[in-house]
N, C-alpha and C. Protein backbone atom coordinates (compact mmCIF):
# COMPACT_ATOMS: atom_id res chain seq x y z
N UNK A 1 127.39 107.94 94.64
CA UNK A 1 125.94 107.83 94.75
C UNK A 1 125.30 108.37 93.48
N UNK A 2 124.27 107.68 93.00
CA UNK A 2 123.61 108.08 91.77
C UNK A 2 122.12 107.84 91.88
N UNK A 3 121.34 108.72 91.28
CA UNK A 3 119.89 108.55 91.26
C UNK A 3 119.48 107.37 90.40
N UNK A 4 120.24 107.10 89.35
CA UNK A 4 119.85 106.10 88.37
C UNK A 4 120.48 104.73 88.58
N UNK A 5 121.44 104.65 89.48
CA UNK A 5 122.17 103.39 89.66
C UNK A 5 122.27 103.04 91.14
N UNK A 6 122.51 101.78 91.39
CA UNK A 6 122.70 101.25 92.74
C UNK A 6 124.16 100.83 92.89
N UNK A 7 124.81 101.28 93.96
CA UNK A 7 126.16 100.82 94.27
C UNK A 7 126.03 99.52 95.08
N UNK A 8 126.36 98.39 94.49
CA UNK A 8 126.14 97.12 95.19
C UNK A 8 126.78 97.04 96.56
N UNK A 9 127.99 97.58 96.69
CA UNK A 9 128.71 97.46 97.96
C UNK A 9 128.10 98.34 99.06
N UNK A 10 127.24 99.28 98.69
CA UNK A 10 126.63 100.17 99.67
C UNK A 10 125.12 99.96 99.80
N UNK A 11 124.63 98.85 99.26
CA UNK A 11 123.19 98.62 99.20
C UNK A 11 122.84 97.25 99.77
N UNK A 12 121.72 97.20 100.48
CA UNK A 12 121.18 95.93 100.98
C UNK A 12 119.75 95.76 100.51
N UNK A 13 119.39 94.54 100.19
CA UNK A 13 117.99 94.20 99.95
C UNK A 13 117.40 93.77 101.28
N UNK A 14 116.28 94.37 101.65
CA UNK A 14 115.60 94.03 102.90
C UNK A 14 114.24 93.42 102.59
N UNK A 15 114.09 92.15 102.95
CA UNK A 15 112.82 91.46 102.79
C UNK A 15 112.08 91.49 104.12
N UNK A 16 110.88 92.03 104.11
CA UNK A 16 110.11 92.21 105.33
C UNK A 16 108.99 91.17 105.41
N UNK A 17 109.02 90.34 106.44
CA UNK A 17 107.97 89.35 106.71
C UNK A 17 107.59 88.50 105.50
N UNK A 18 108.60 88.04 104.78
CA UNK A 18 108.35 87.09 103.70
C UNK A 18 108.35 85.69 104.31
N UNK A 19 107.25 85.37 104.96
CA UNK A 19 107.15 84.21 105.84
C UNK A 19 106.04 83.27 105.39
N UNK A 20 106.13 82.03 105.86
CA UNK A 20 105.15 81.00 105.51
C UNK A 20 103.71 81.43 105.81
N UNK A 21 103.53 82.16 106.90
CA UNK A 21 102.17 82.54 107.32
C UNK A 21 101.51 83.49 106.34
N UNK A 22 102.31 84.22 105.60
CA UNK A 22 101.76 85.29 104.77
C UNK A 22 101.77 85.00 103.27
N UNK A 23 102.65 84.11 102.83
CA UNK A 23 102.85 83.92 101.39
C UNK A 23 103.07 82.45 101.06
N UNK A 24 102.94 82.15 99.77
CA UNK A 24 103.33 80.84 99.24
C UNK A 24 104.23 81.08 98.02
N UNK A 25 105.03 80.10 97.70
CA UNK A 25 106.07 80.29 96.68
C UNK A 25 105.52 80.51 95.27
N UNK A 26 104.25 80.18 95.04
CA UNK A 26 103.69 80.36 93.70
C UNK A 26 103.12 81.76 93.47
N UNK A 27 103.17 82.62 94.49
CA UNK A 27 102.66 83.98 94.33
C UNK A 27 103.65 84.81 93.51
N UNK A 28 103.10 85.71 92.69
CA UNK A 28 103.94 86.55 91.83
C UNK A 28 104.89 87.42 92.64
N UNK A 29 104.41 87.96 93.77
CA UNK A 29 105.27 88.82 94.57
C UNK A 29 106.47 88.05 95.09
N UNK A 30 106.29 86.77 95.44
CA UNK A 30 107.40 85.94 95.91
C UNK A 30 108.37 85.66 94.76
N UNK A 31 107.84 85.36 93.60
CA UNK A 31 108.68 85.12 92.43
C UNK A 31 109.49 86.37 92.07
N UNK A 32 108.88 87.53 92.20
CA UNK A 32 109.60 88.78 91.94
C UNK A 32 110.71 89.00 92.97
N UNK A 33 110.41 88.68 94.23
CA UNK A 33 111.42 88.81 95.28
C UNK A 33 112.59 87.86 95.03
N UNK A 34 112.28 86.63 94.59
CA UNK A 34 113.34 85.67 94.29
C UNK A 34 114.19 86.15 93.12
N UNK A 35 113.56 86.78 92.15
CA UNK A 35 114.28 87.34 91.00
C UNK A 35 115.23 88.45 91.46
N UNK A 36 114.75 89.31 92.34
CA UNK A 36 115.60 90.38 92.87
C UNK A 36 116.72 89.81 93.71
N UNK A 37 116.42 88.80 94.52
CA UNK A 37 117.43 88.16 95.35
C UNK A 37 118.55 87.59 94.49
N UNK A 38 118.20 86.94 93.37
CA UNK A 38 119.21 86.37 92.49
C UNK A 38 120.11 87.46 91.92
N UNK A 39 119.54 88.59 91.56
CA UNK A 39 120.33 89.70 91.03
C UNK A 39 121.24 90.29 92.10
N UNK A 40 120.71 90.39 93.32
CA UNK A 40 121.51 90.91 94.42
C UNK A 40 122.68 89.98 94.73
N UNK A 41 122.41 88.68 94.75
CA UNK A 41 123.48 87.71 95.00
C UNK A 41 124.55 87.78 93.92
N UNK A 42 124.13 87.92 92.67
CA UNK A 42 125.09 87.98 91.57
C UNK A 42 125.98 89.21 91.68
N UNK A 43 125.43 90.28 92.25
CA UNK A 43 126.19 91.52 92.40
C UNK A 43 126.96 91.58 93.72
N UNK A 44 126.82 90.56 94.56
CA UNK A 44 127.51 90.53 95.84
C UNK A 44 126.93 91.48 96.87
N UNK A 45 125.65 91.78 96.76
CA UNK A 45 125.01 92.71 97.68
C UNK A 45 124.60 92.03 98.98
N UNK A 46 124.48 92.82 100.01
CA UNK A 46 123.98 92.34 101.30
C UNK A 46 122.48 92.07 101.19
N UNK A 47 122.03 91.04 101.90
CA UNK A 47 120.61 90.70 101.95
C UNK A 47 120.21 90.55 103.41
N UNK A 48 119.08 91.15 103.75
CA UNK A 48 118.60 91.08 105.13
C UNK A 48 117.13 90.67 105.15
N UNK A 49 116.75 90.00 106.23
CA UNK A 49 115.37 89.58 106.44
C UNK A 49 114.91 90.11 107.80
N UNK A 50 113.75 90.74 107.81
CA UNK A 50 113.11 91.12 109.07
C UNK A 50 111.92 90.19 109.25
N UNK A 51 111.85 89.54 110.39
CA UNK A 51 110.81 88.53 110.60
C UNK A 51 110.15 88.69 111.96
N UNK A 52 108.82 88.57 111.95
CA UNK A 52 108.07 88.61 113.21
C UNK A 52 108.51 87.46 114.10
N UNK A 53 108.56 87.71 115.41
CA UNK A 53 109.02 86.69 116.35
C UNK A 53 108.48 87.05 117.73
N UNK A 54 107.50 86.30 118.20
CA UNK A 54 106.82 86.67 119.44
C UNK A 54 106.75 85.52 120.43
N UNK A 55 106.54 85.85 121.68
CA UNK A 55 106.32 84.84 122.72
C UNK A 55 104.95 84.20 122.51
N UNK A 56 104.84 82.90 122.75
CA UNK A 56 103.54 82.23 122.61
C UNK A 56 102.45 82.82 123.51
N UNK A 57 102.85 83.34 124.68
CA UNK A 57 101.84 83.86 125.60
C UNK A 57 101.45 85.30 125.30
N UNK A 58 102.08 85.89 124.27
CA UNK A 58 101.72 87.25 123.89
C UNK A 58 102.21 88.32 124.83
N UNK A 59 103.09 87.97 125.77
CA UNK A 59 103.53 88.94 126.78
C UNK A 59 104.40 90.05 126.20
N UNK A 60 104.92 89.86 124.98
CA UNK A 60 105.72 90.91 124.36
C UNK A 60 104.88 91.79 123.43
N UNK A 61 103.57 91.65 123.47
CA UNK A 61 102.67 92.46 122.64
C UNK A 61 101.97 93.49 123.52
N UNK A 62 102.08 94.75 123.16
CA UNK A 62 101.38 95.80 123.90
C UNK A 62 99.89 95.74 123.57
N UNK A 63 99.07 95.83 124.59
CA UNK A 63 97.63 95.81 124.38
C UNK A 63 97.13 97.24 124.15
N UNK A 64 97.18 97.65 122.91
CA UNK A 64 96.84 99.03 122.54
C UNK A 64 95.45 99.09 121.91
N UNK A 65 94.71 100.10 122.26
CA UNK A 65 93.39 100.27 121.68
C UNK A 65 93.49 100.70 120.21
N UNK A 66 92.62 100.16 119.39
CA UNK A 66 92.46 100.59 118.02
C UNK A 66 91.01 100.40 117.62
N UNK A 67 90.60 101.05 116.54
CA UNK A 67 89.21 100.93 116.10
C UNK A 67 88.96 99.67 115.29
N UNK A 68 90.02 99.13 114.66
CA UNK A 68 89.83 97.99 113.78
C UNK A 68 91.04 97.07 113.81
N UNK A 69 90.89 95.92 113.18
CA UNK A 69 92.02 95.02 113.00
C UNK A 69 92.81 95.42 111.76
N UNK A 70 93.81 94.63 111.38
CA UNK A 70 94.67 95.00 110.25
C UNK A 70 93.92 95.04 108.93
N UNK A 71 92.80 94.34 108.85
CA UNK A 71 91.99 94.35 107.62
C UNK A 71 90.96 95.48 107.62
N UNK A 72 91.07 96.38 108.60
CA UNK A 72 90.17 97.52 108.74
C UNK A 72 88.74 97.10 109.06
N UNK A 73 88.58 95.96 109.71
CA UNK A 73 87.28 95.51 110.19
C UNK A 73 87.13 95.96 111.64
N UNK A 74 86.11 96.72 111.97
CA UNK A 74 85.95 97.20 113.35
C UNK A 74 85.83 96.06 114.35
N UNK A 75 86.39 96.26 115.54
CA UNK A 75 86.29 95.27 116.58
C UNK A 75 84.85 95.12 117.04
N UNK A 76 84.44 93.89 117.33
CA UNK A 76 83.13 93.64 117.91
C UNK A 76 83.12 94.05 119.38
N UNK A 77 84.25 93.82 120.05
CA UNK A 77 84.38 94.13 121.47
C UNK A 77 85.71 94.82 121.70
N UNK A 78 85.77 96.13 121.51
CA UNK A 78 87.06 96.85 121.61
C UNK A 78 87.76 96.71 122.95
N UNK A 79 87.02 96.46 124.01
CA UNK A 79 87.65 96.34 125.33
C UNK A 79 88.42 95.04 125.48
N UNK A 80 88.06 94.01 124.73
CA UNK A 80 88.66 92.69 124.94
C UNK A 80 89.28 92.09 123.69
N UNK A 81 89.16 92.74 122.56
CA UNK A 81 89.81 92.28 121.34
C UNK A 81 91.01 93.17 121.07
N UNK A 82 92.16 92.56 120.89
CA UNK A 82 93.37 93.31 120.60
C UNK A 82 94.19 92.55 119.58
N UNK A 83 94.96 93.29 118.80
CA UNK A 83 95.83 92.67 117.80
C UNK A 83 96.74 91.62 118.45
N UNK A 84 97.26 91.93 119.63
CA UNK A 84 98.27 91.06 120.22
C UNK A 84 97.74 89.86 120.98
N UNK A 85 96.44 89.71 121.07
CA UNK A 85 95.90 88.66 121.93
C UNK A 85 95.97 87.27 121.30
N UNK A 86 95.90 87.20 119.99
CA UNK A 86 95.94 85.91 119.30
C UNK A 86 97.24 85.84 118.52
N UNK A 87 98.20 85.12 119.04
CA UNK A 87 99.52 85.08 118.45
C UNK A 87 99.73 83.79 117.66
N UNK A 88 99.87 83.93 116.32
CA UNK A 88 100.26 82.80 115.49
C UNK A 88 101.74 82.89 115.15
N UNK A 89 102.28 84.12 115.16
CA UNK A 89 103.66 84.34 114.75
C UNK A 89 104.62 84.17 115.93
N UNK A 90 104.67 82.96 116.46
CA UNK A 90 105.45 82.72 117.67
C UNK A 90 106.80 82.09 117.34
N UNK A 91 107.75 82.30 118.22
CA UNK A 91 109.11 81.83 118.04
C UNK A 91 109.15 80.33 117.74
N UNK A 92 109.97 79.98 116.75
CA UNK A 92 110.24 78.58 116.37
C UNK A 92 109.06 77.89 115.67
N UNK A 93 107.98 78.59 115.38
CA UNK A 93 106.85 77.97 114.70
C UNK A 93 107.06 77.97 113.18
N UNK A 94 106.32 77.12 112.49
CA UNK A 94 106.37 77.08 111.03
C UNK A 94 105.95 78.41 110.43
N UNK A 95 105.01 79.08 111.06
CA UNK A 95 104.46 80.31 110.52
C UNK A 95 105.51 81.39 110.28
N UNK A 96 106.48 81.48 111.17
CA UNK A 96 107.44 82.59 111.06
C UNK A 96 108.69 82.22 110.25
N UNK A 97 108.75 81.03 109.70
CA UNK A 97 109.93 80.67 108.93
C UNK A 97 109.93 81.41 107.59
N UNK A 98 111.11 81.85 107.17
CA UNK A 98 111.24 82.55 105.89
C UNK A 98 110.99 81.56 104.75
N UNK A 99 110.32 82.02 103.73
CA UNK A 99 109.95 81.18 102.60
C UNK A 99 111.17 80.49 101.98
N UNK A 100 110.98 79.24 101.60
CA UNK A 100 112.08 78.48 100.99
C UNK A 100 112.59 79.16 99.71
N UNK A 101 111.71 79.85 99.00
CA UNK A 101 112.10 80.52 97.77
C UNK A 101 113.12 81.63 98.02
N UNK A 102 113.20 82.11 99.26
CA UNK A 102 114.13 83.19 99.62
C UNK A 102 115.07 82.77 100.74
N UNK A 103 115.18 81.50 100.97
CA UNK A 103 115.87 80.98 102.15
C UNK A 103 117.21 81.68 102.40
N UNK A 104 117.41 82.17 103.62
CA UNK A 104 118.65 82.90 103.93
C UNK A 104 119.88 82.02 103.81
N UNK A 105 120.97 82.64 103.41
CA UNK A 105 122.27 81.99 103.41
C UNK A 105 123.01 82.40 104.68
N UNK A 106 124.11 81.74 105.01
CA UNK A 106 124.85 82.10 106.23
C UNK A 106 125.35 83.54 106.25
N UNK A 107 125.52 84.14 105.08
CA UNK A 107 126.05 85.51 105.05
C UNK A 107 124.95 86.57 105.18
N UNK A 108 123.69 86.15 105.14
CA UNK A 108 122.59 87.11 105.23
C UNK A 108 122.36 87.55 106.67
N UNK A 109 121.65 88.66 106.81
CA UNK A 109 121.27 89.18 108.11
C UNK A 109 119.81 88.80 108.38
N UNK A 110 119.56 88.15 109.49
CA UNK A 110 118.20 87.79 109.89
C UNK A 110 117.88 88.53 111.18
N UNK A 111 116.88 89.40 111.10
CA UNK A 111 116.54 90.28 112.22
C UNK A 111 115.18 89.89 112.76
N UNK A 112 115.13 89.52 114.03
CA UNK A 112 113.86 89.17 114.67
C UNK A 112 113.29 90.44 115.31
N UNK A 113 112.04 90.73 114.95
CA UNK A 113 111.43 91.99 115.39
C UNK A 113 110.15 91.71 116.19
N UNK A 114 109.80 92.68 117.03
CA UNK A 114 108.60 92.57 117.86
C UNK A 114 107.57 93.64 117.56
N UNK A 115 107.90 94.56 116.67
CA UNK A 115 106.98 95.64 116.31
C UNK A 115 106.95 95.78 114.80
N UNK A 116 106.19 96.74 114.30
CA UNK A 116 106.02 96.87 112.86
C UNK A 116 107.31 97.21 112.14
N UNK A 117 108.07 98.15 112.63
CA UNK A 117 109.29 98.59 111.96
C UNK A 117 110.42 97.57 112.13
N UNK A 118 111.13 97.32 111.04
CA UNK A 118 112.29 96.43 111.10
C UNK A 118 113.43 97.04 111.89
N UNK A 119 113.38 98.34 112.14
CA UNK A 119 114.47 99.02 112.84
C UNK A 119 114.22 99.16 114.34
N UNK A 120 112.97 99.09 114.77
CA UNK A 120 112.67 99.42 116.16
C UNK A 120 113.26 98.38 117.12
N UNK A 121 114.27 98.81 117.89
CA UNK A 121 114.93 98.00 118.91
C UNK A 121 115.42 96.66 118.35
N UNK A 122 115.95 96.69 117.12
CA UNK A 122 116.61 95.52 116.54
C UNK A 122 118.05 95.90 116.21
N UNK A 123 118.80 94.93 115.72
CA UNK A 123 120.21 95.16 115.37
C UNK A 123 120.38 95.62 113.92
N UNK A 124 119.28 95.85 113.21
CA UNK A 124 119.37 96.11 111.77
C UNK A 124 120.23 97.32 111.44
N UNK A 125 119.97 98.46 112.07
CA UNK A 125 120.74 99.65 111.74
C UNK A 125 122.23 99.44 112.00
N UNK A 126 122.58 98.88 113.14
CA UNK A 126 123.98 98.64 113.47
C UNK A 126 124.64 97.75 112.43
N UNK A 127 123.95 96.68 112.03
CA UNK A 127 124.51 95.76 111.05
C UNK A 127 124.75 96.46 109.71
N UNK A 128 123.78 97.26 109.27
CA UNK A 128 123.92 97.95 107.99
C UNK A 128 125.02 99.01 108.05
N UNK A 129 125.05 99.78 109.12
CA UNK A 129 126.10 100.82 109.25
C UNK A 129 127.49 100.18 109.26
N UNK A 130 127.63 99.09 110.00
CA UNK A 130 128.93 98.42 110.09
C UNK A 130 129.39 97.92 108.73
N UNK A 131 128.42 97.51 107.89
CA UNK A 131 128.75 97.01 106.56
C UNK A 131 128.89 98.13 105.52
N UNK A 132 128.74 99.38 105.94
CA UNK A 132 128.89 100.50 105.02
C UNK A 132 127.70 100.71 104.11
N UNK A 133 126.53 100.23 104.53
CA UNK A 133 125.32 100.33 103.72
C UNK A 133 124.65 101.69 103.92
N UNK A 134 124.29 102.35 102.82
CA UNK A 134 123.54 103.60 102.93
C UNK A 134 122.24 103.58 102.13
N UNK A 135 121.97 102.48 101.45
CA UNK A 135 120.79 102.37 100.60
C UNK A 135 120.10 101.04 100.83
N UNK A 136 118.77 101.06 100.86
CA UNK A 136 117.99 99.86 101.10
C UNK A 136 116.99 99.66 99.96
N UNK A 137 116.98 98.46 99.40
CA UNK A 137 115.91 98.04 98.50
C UNK A 137 114.88 97.33 99.36
N UNK A 138 113.69 97.91 99.49
CA UNK A 138 112.71 97.44 100.46
C UNK A 138 111.61 96.62 99.77
N UNK A 139 111.37 95.42 100.30
CA UNK A 139 110.41 94.48 99.72
C UNK A 139 109.62 93.81 100.83
N UNK A 140 108.44 93.28 100.48
CA UNK A 140 107.68 92.48 101.43
C UNK A 140 106.28 93.02 101.68
N UNK A 141 105.78 92.78 102.85
CA UNK A 141 104.43 93.21 103.16
C UNK A 141 104.15 93.14 104.66
N UNK A 142 103.05 93.71 105.05
CA UNK A 142 102.12 94.41 104.18
C UNK A 142 102.59 95.85 103.96
N UNK A 143 102.24 96.37 102.78
CA UNK A 143 102.72 97.69 102.42
C UNK A 143 102.30 98.74 103.43
N UNK A 144 101.03 98.71 103.87
CA UNK A 144 100.52 99.77 104.75
C UNK A 144 100.94 99.58 106.20
N UNK A 145 101.57 98.45 106.52
CA UNK A 145 102.00 98.20 107.90
C UNK A 145 103.52 98.14 107.99
N UNK A 146 104.10 96.99 107.70
CA UNK A 146 105.54 96.83 107.89
C UNK A 146 106.39 97.62 106.92
N UNK A 147 106.00 97.65 105.65
CA UNK A 147 106.80 98.41 104.67
C UNK A 147 106.75 99.89 104.99
N UNK A 148 105.56 100.40 105.28
CA UNK A 148 105.43 101.82 105.61
C UNK A 148 106.22 102.18 106.86
N UNK A 149 106.06 101.39 107.92
CA UNK A 149 106.77 101.68 109.17
C UNK A 149 108.28 101.64 108.99
N UNK A 150 108.75 100.66 108.24
CA UNK A 150 110.19 100.52 108.01
C UNK A 150 110.71 101.63 107.10
N UNK A 151 109.92 102.01 106.10
CA UNK A 151 110.35 103.09 105.21
C UNK A 151 110.47 104.41 105.95
N UNK A 152 109.49 104.73 106.79
CA UNK A 152 109.58 105.97 107.57
C UNK A 152 110.78 105.94 108.51
N UNK A 153 111.02 104.81 109.15
CA UNK A 153 112.17 104.70 110.05
C UNK A 153 113.48 104.85 109.28
N UNK A 154 113.58 104.20 108.14
CA UNK A 154 114.80 104.28 107.33
C UNK A 154 115.05 105.71 106.88
N UNK A 155 113.99 106.39 106.50
CA UNK A 155 114.11 107.79 106.08
C UNK A 155 114.64 108.65 107.23
N UNK A 156 114.11 108.45 108.42
CA UNK A 156 114.56 109.24 109.58
C UNK A 156 115.99 108.91 109.97
N UNK A 157 116.46 107.72 109.59
CA UNK A 157 117.84 107.32 109.88
C UNK A 157 118.79 107.66 108.73
N UNK A 158 118.28 108.41 107.74
CA UNK A 158 119.09 108.90 106.62
C UNK A 158 119.59 107.79 105.68
N UNK A 159 118.81 106.73 105.54
CA UNK A 159 119.09 105.74 104.51
C UNK A 159 118.36 106.14 103.23
N UNK A 160 119.03 105.96 102.09
CA UNK A 160 118.33 106.05 100.82
C UNK A 160 117.45 104.81 100.69
N UNK A 161 116.25 104.99 100.15
CA UNK A 161 115.30 103.88 100.04
C UNK A 161 114.85 103.72 98.60
N UNK A 162 114.83 102.48 98.14
CA UNK A 162 114.16 102.13 96.89
C UNK A 162 113.08 101.13 97.25
N UNK A 163 111.83 101.53 97.11
CA UNK A 163 110.72 100.62 97.36
C UNK A 163 110.44 99.87 96.06
N UNK A 164 110.58 98.56 96.10
CA UNK A 164 110.39 97.75 94.90
C UNK A 164 108.91 97.35 94.85
N UNK A 165 108.16 98.06 94.04
CA UNK A 165 106.69 98.03 94.12
C UNK A 165 106.09 96.65 93.92
N UNK A 166 106.55 95.91 92.90
CA UNK A 166 105.95 94.60 92.67
C UNK A 166 106.64 93.50 93.46
N UNK A 167 107.49 93.89 94.40
CA UNK A 167 108.02 92.97 95.41
C UNK A 167 107.37 93.25 96.76
N UNK A 168 106.33 94.09 96.76
CA UNK A 168 105.55 94.38 97.96
C UNK A 168 104.10 94.01 97.71
N UNK A 169 103.37 93.75 98.78
CA UNK A 169 101.95 93.46 98.60
C UNK A 169 101.13 94.03 99.75
N UNK A 170 99.83 94.13 99.50
CA UNK A 170 98.93 94.72 100.47
C UNK A 170 97.54 94.12 100.27
N UNK A 171 96.92 93.69 101.35
CA UNK A 171 95.62 93.07 101.25
C UNK A 171 94.45 94.04 101.25
N UNK A 172 94.70 95.33 101.49
CA UNK A 172 93.62 96.30 101.52
C UNK A 172 93.37 96.85 100.13
N UNK A 173 92.14 96.89 99.72
CA UNK A 173 91.79 97.39 98.40
C UNK A 173 92.22 98.85 98.24
N UNK A 174 92.96 99.13 97.19
CA UNK A 174 93.40 100.49 96.90
C UNK A 174 94.63 100.95 97.66
N UNK A 175 95.04 100.20 98.67
CA UNK A 175 96.14 100.65 99.53
C UNK A 175 97.48 100.62 98.80
N UNK A 176 97.75 99.54 98.07
CA UNK A 176 99.03 99.41 97.39
C UNK A 176 99.28 100.59 96.45
N UNK A 177 98.30 100.89 95.63
CA UNK A 177 98.45 101.99 94.67
C UNK A 177 98.62 103.33 95.38
N UNK A 178 97.87 103.51 96.47
CA UNK A 178 97.96 104.77 97.21
C UNK A 178 99.38 105.00 97.74
N UNK A 179 99.93 103.99 98.41
CA UNK A 179 101.26 104.15 98.98
C UNK A 179 102.33 104.33 97.90
N UNK A 180 102.20 103.59 96.81
CA UNK A 180 103.23 103.62 95.76
C UNK A 180 103.19 104.89 94.93
N UNK A 181 102.04 105.55 94.90
CA UNK A 181 101.92 106.75 94.05
C UNK A 181 101.75 108.05 94.83
N UNK A 182 101.27 107.97 96.07
CA UNK A 182 100.94 109.18 96.82
C UNK A 182 101.83 109.44 98.03
N UNK A 183 102.54 108.41 98.49
CA UNK A 183 103.35 108.58 99.71
C UNK A 183 104.83 108.31 99.45
N UNK A 184 105.16 107.11 99.02
CA UNK A 184 106.56 106.73 98.90
C UNK A 184 107.38 107.58 97.93
N UNK A 185 106.81 108.09 96.82
CA UNK A 185 107.65 108.88 95.91
C UNK A 185 108.26 110.13 96.53
N UNK A 186 107.69 110.65 97.61
CA UNK A 186 108.27 111.85 98.22
C UNK A 186 109.35 111.52 99.24
N UNK A 187 109.56 110.23 99.51
CA UNK A 187 110.57 109.86 100.49
C UNK A 187 111.53 108.80 99.98
N UNK A 188 111.27 108.30 98.77
CA UNK A 188 112.06 107.19 98.25
C UNK A 188 111.96 107.17 96.73
N UNK A 189 112.72 106.27 96.12
CA UNK A 189 112.52 105.95 94.72
C UNK A 189 111.64 104.71 94.66
N UNK A 190 110.61 104.74 93.84
CA UNK A 190 109.71 103.59 93.68
C UNK A 190 110.00 102.98 92.31
N UNK A 191 110.37 101.70 92.32
CA UNK A 191 110.75 101.03 91.08
C UNK A 191 110.15 99.62 91.03
N UNK A 192 109.92 99.13 89.83
CA UNK A 192 109.54 97.72 89.66
C UNK A 192 110.77 96.86 89.85
N UNK A 193 110.57 95.55 89.93
CA UNK A 193 111.71 94.66 90.11
C UNK A 193 112.66 94.75 88.91
N UNK A 194 112.13 94.84 87.71
CA UNK A 194 113.00 94.94 86.53
C UNK A 194 113.78 96.24 86.53
N UNK A 195 113.14 97.32 86.95
CA UNK A 195 113.84 98.60 87.03
C UNK A 195 114.91 98.57 88.12
N UNK A 196 114.61 97.94 89.25
CA UNK A 196 115.59 97.83 90.33
C UNK A 196 116.79 97.00 89.89
N UNK A 197 116.54 95.92 89.18
CA UNK A 197 117.65 95.09 88.68
C UNK A 197 118.49 95.87 87.68
N UNK A 198 117.85 96.67 86.84
CA UNK A 198 118.60 97.51 85.91
C UNK A 198 119.49 98.51 86.65
N UNK A 199 119.00 99.03 87.77
CA UNK A 199 119.81 99.95 88.58
C UNK A 199 121.02 99.22 89.18
N UNK A 200 120.80 97.99 89.60
CA UNK A 200 121.92 97.19 90.13
C UNK A 200 122.94 96.94 89.04
N UNK A 201 122.48 96.54 87.87
CA UNK A 201 123.39 96.25 86.76
C UNK A 201 124.14 97.50 86.33
N UNK A 202 123.49 98.67 86.39
CA UNK A 202 124.18 99.92 86.07
C UNK A 202 125.27 100.21 87.09
N UNK A 203 125.00 99.92 88.34
CA UNK A 203 126.00 100.13 89.38
C UNK A 203 127.18 99.19 89.24
N UNK A 204 126.90 97.94 88.88
CA UNK A 204 127.98 96.97 88.65
C UNK A 204 128.85 97.42 87.49
N UNK A 205 128.23 97.88 86.42
CA UNK A 205 128.98 98.31 85.22
C UNK A 205 129.84 99.52 85.52
N UNK A 206 129.39 100.37 86.44
CA UNK A 206 130.13 101.59 86.74
C UNK A 206 131.25 101.38 87.73
N UNK A 207 131.23 100.25 88.44
CA UNK A 207 132.23 100.03 89.49
C UNK A 207 133.50 99.39 88.92
């Protein structure tokens, strides 16, 4: 294990919600993710995808009170408006398909999730432990929701985390910079895609 290098055989790239509903292939964050994916494939690293997957009737969504929606806009009617009431991310729909730019291969891990964290009641931890993985390169969005929830869970499960900053995105003004500079550095290594690829190449050279 090294602070400056990535051991390919002990590391997985985890793409969080890189789906048709949220992104298009011409976005810079998607291009950066594809660049990282190519480097991971060249090094023989494990690749995993966490993807939203819900029932069309919303029965698998808890109706929890909150003050606002994901964009921090207050509810007009808090008693009857809930995040889970309008489901676009339903099983087998176009919306939840992984972007063609990152299309999974048969050897990749595809994890269907029902909550924010990629680890909560999914097979992700078991799959990574079985493969001898102790480090995760974390990518995707949104930073303040899925990336944050997954990073905290990974930390509590004793995984080393590298948050790849320009492979993540966030729609809230100021949020991306806040998480990358004020929160994640105390629990992970924060690196750009080029820096992460350099860490992979250093690990390959050392093995």
